[in-house]
């Protein structure tokens, strides 16, 4: 019972300790190499780069240069567009997360589920290609 994983906006060592005790993956938000290093030292296997649109793909590349083992999830500013998604994976992202860009408010309001399904399918296809 409970959560299968925890994603947070920042690194909290108390949450990391609790999650480790319960064998629940914790993916904290990190905005510096120090935060990534501290999160990894606390047992976090994946670090969330947030906000991605502020930090940019160059941040991911810069983190991975001295720490190539780092697994990065990028959120915030990831767009369901080929150029955007490819840039993140080329920089070394392990995965990406999308919210409002994948589920636009106007499309939800219009209940256009087919459009959202298409955005999701198209994004997954781009991701599959980008990860090859």
Protein backbone atom coordinates (compact mmCIF):
# COMPACT_ATOMS: atom_id res chain seq x y z
CA UNK A 1 0.00 0.00 0.00
CA UNK A 2 1.02 3.58 -0.46
CA UNK A 3 3.03 5.30 -3.15
CA UNK A 4 5.10 3.46 -5.74
CA UNK A 5 7.47 6.43 -6.00
CA UNK A 6 7.78 10.02 -4.78
CA UNK A 7 8.63 13.03 -6.95
CA UNK A 8 9.41 16.32 -5.24
CA UNK A 9 10.20 19.87 -6.30
CA UNK A 10 13.45 19.92 -4.28
CA UNK A 11 15.77 17.56 -2.42
CA UNK A 12 14.75 16.85 1.16
CA UNK A 13 17.10 14.48 3.04
CA UNK A 14 14.35 13.50 5.49
CA UNK A 15 12.11 12.34 2.66
CA UNK A 16 15.06 10.48 1.12
CA UNK A 17 15.70 8.65 4.38
CA UNK A 18 12.06 7.69 4.83
CA UNK A 19 11.73 6.53 1.23
CA UNK A 20 14.92 4.47 1.49
CA UNK A 21 13.60 2.80 4.64
CA UNK A 22 10.37 1.89 2.84
CA UNK A 23 12.10 0.98 -0.45
CA UNK A 24 10.15 3.67 -2.29
CA UNK A 25 12.07 5.48 -5.04
CA UNK A 26 12.43 9.20 -4.37
CA UNK A 27 13.03 11.55 -7.30
CA UNK A 28 13.90 14.99 -5.93
CA UNK A 29 14.13 18.21 -7.88
CA UNK A 30 17.74 19.34 -8.25
CA UNK A 31 19.05 22.56 -9.74
CA UNK A 32 22.79 22.20 -9.16
CA UNK A 33 25.53 19.59 -9.28
CA UNK A 34 25.75 19.81 -5.49
CA UNK A 35 22.06 19.02 -5.10
CA UNK A 36 22.37 16.10 -7.50
CA UNK A 37 25.40 14.79 -5.58
CA UNK A 38 23.63 15.16 -2.23
CA UNK A 39 20.55 13.41 -3.56
CA UNK A 40 22.64 10.53 -4.90
CA UNK A 41 24.52 10.26 -1.60
CA UNK A 42 21.13 9.96 0.12
CA UNK A 43 20.15 7.06 -2.14
CA UNK A 44 18.24 8.76 -4.95
CA UNK A 45 18.77 6.88 -8.21
CA UNK A 46 17.06 9.49 -10.40
CA UNK A 47 17.16 13.26 -9.99
CA UNK A 48 14.58 15.58 -11.45
CA UNK A 49 15.92 18.63 -13.26
CA UNK A 50 13.38 21.35 -12.61
CA UNK A 51 12.56 23.78 -14.03
CA UNK A 52 13.89 22.40 -17.28
CA UNK A 53 13.00 25.44 -19.34
CA UNK A 54 15.11 27.62 -17.04
CA UNK A 55 18.07 25.26 -16.64
CA UNK A 56 18.08 23.99 -20.24
CA UNK A 57 19.62 20.93 -21.90
CA UNK A 58 23.11 22.36 -21.33
CA UNK A 59 22.58 21.91 -17.59
CA UNK A 60 21.89 18.20 -18.06
CA UNK A 61 24.97 17.85 -20.25
CA UNK A 62 27.08 19.72 -17.69
CA UNK A 63 25.89 17.51 -14.82
CA UNK A 64 26.52 14.32 -16.77
CA UNK A 65 30.06 15.33 -17.78
CA UNK A 66 31.61 14.82 -14.31
CA UNK A 67 28.88 12.40 -13.17
CA UNK A 68 28.04 10.18 -16.17
CA UNK A 69 26.19 7.67 -13.99
CA UNK A 70 23.54 10.27 -13.16
CA UNK A 71 20.00 9.44 -14.22
CA UNK A 72 18.03 12.60 -14.99
CA UNK A 73 14.30 13.18 -15.31
CA UNK A 74 13.56 16.58 -16.85
CA UNK A 75 10.29 18.39 -16.11
CA UNK A 76 9.08 21.93 -16.53
CA UNK A 77 9.20 23.21 -20.07
CA UNK A 78 9.44 19.87 -21.84
CA UNK A 79 7.26 20.19 -24.91
CA UNK A 80 5.65 17.50 -27.05
CA UNK A 81 7.76 18.63 -29.99
CA UNK A 82 10.51 16.71 -31.75
CA UNK A 83 13.19 19.40 -31.46
CA UNK A 84 12.55 19.93 -27.74
CA UNK A 85 12.43 16.25 -26.82
CA UNK A 86 15.48 15.37 -28.91
CA UNK A 87 17.49 18.18 -27.27
CA UNK A 88 16.85 16.74 -23.81
CA UNK A 89 17.82 13.20 -24.76
CA UNK A 90 20.85 14.37 -26.73
CA UNK A 91 21.98 16.23 -23.59
CA UNK A 92 21.75 13.00 -21.60
CA UNK A 93 18.30 12.96 -20.02
CA UNK A 94 17.13 9.49 -19.04
CA UNK A 95 13.49 10.46 -19.25
CA UNK A 96 11.22 13.48 -19.45
CA UNK A 97 7.98 14.49 -17.80
CA UNK A 98 5.29 16.68 -19.29
CA UNK A 99 2.25 18.25 -17.73
CA UNK A 100 0.48 21.29 -19.10
CA UNK A 101 2.30 21.11 -22.43
CA UNK A 102 0.98 17.60 -22.99
CA UNK A 103 -2.45 18.34 -21.52
CA UNK A 104 -3.34 21.87 -22.66
CA UNK A 105 -6.14 23.46 -20.64
CA UNK A 106 -8.10 24.49 -23.73
CA UNK A 107 -7.98 20.96 -25.12
CA UNK A 108 -9.12 19.51 -21.80
CA UNK A 109 -11.87 22.11 -21.53
CA UNK A 110 -13.04 21.15 -25.01
CA UNK A 111 -12.89 17.50 -23.92
CA UNK A 112 -10.86 16.74 -27.02
CA UNK A 113 -9.49 13.44 -25.80
CA UNK A 114 -8.46 12.43 -29.31
CA UNK A 115 -6.10 15.42 -29.49
CA UNK A 116 -4.54 14.52 -26.14
CA UNK A 117 -4.21 10.90 -27.21
CA UNK A 118 -2.46 12.04 -30.39
CA UNK A 119 -0.09 14.31 -28.44
CA UNK A 120 0.77 11.42 -26.12
CA UNK A 121 1.29 8.92 -28.94
CA UNK A 122 3.34 11.36 -31.00
CA UNK A 123 5.47 12.23 -27.96
CA UNK A 124 6.11 8.58 -27.15
CA UNK A 125 7.17 7.94 -30.75
CA UNK A 126 9.60 10.89 -30.64
CA UNK A 127 10.99 9.69 -27.31
CA UNK A 128 11.48 6.16 -28.63
CA UNK A 129 13.45 7.51 -31.59
CA UNK A 130 15.43 9.96 -29.48
CA UNK A 131 16.52 7.22 -27.07
CA UNK A 132 17.94 4.99 -29.84
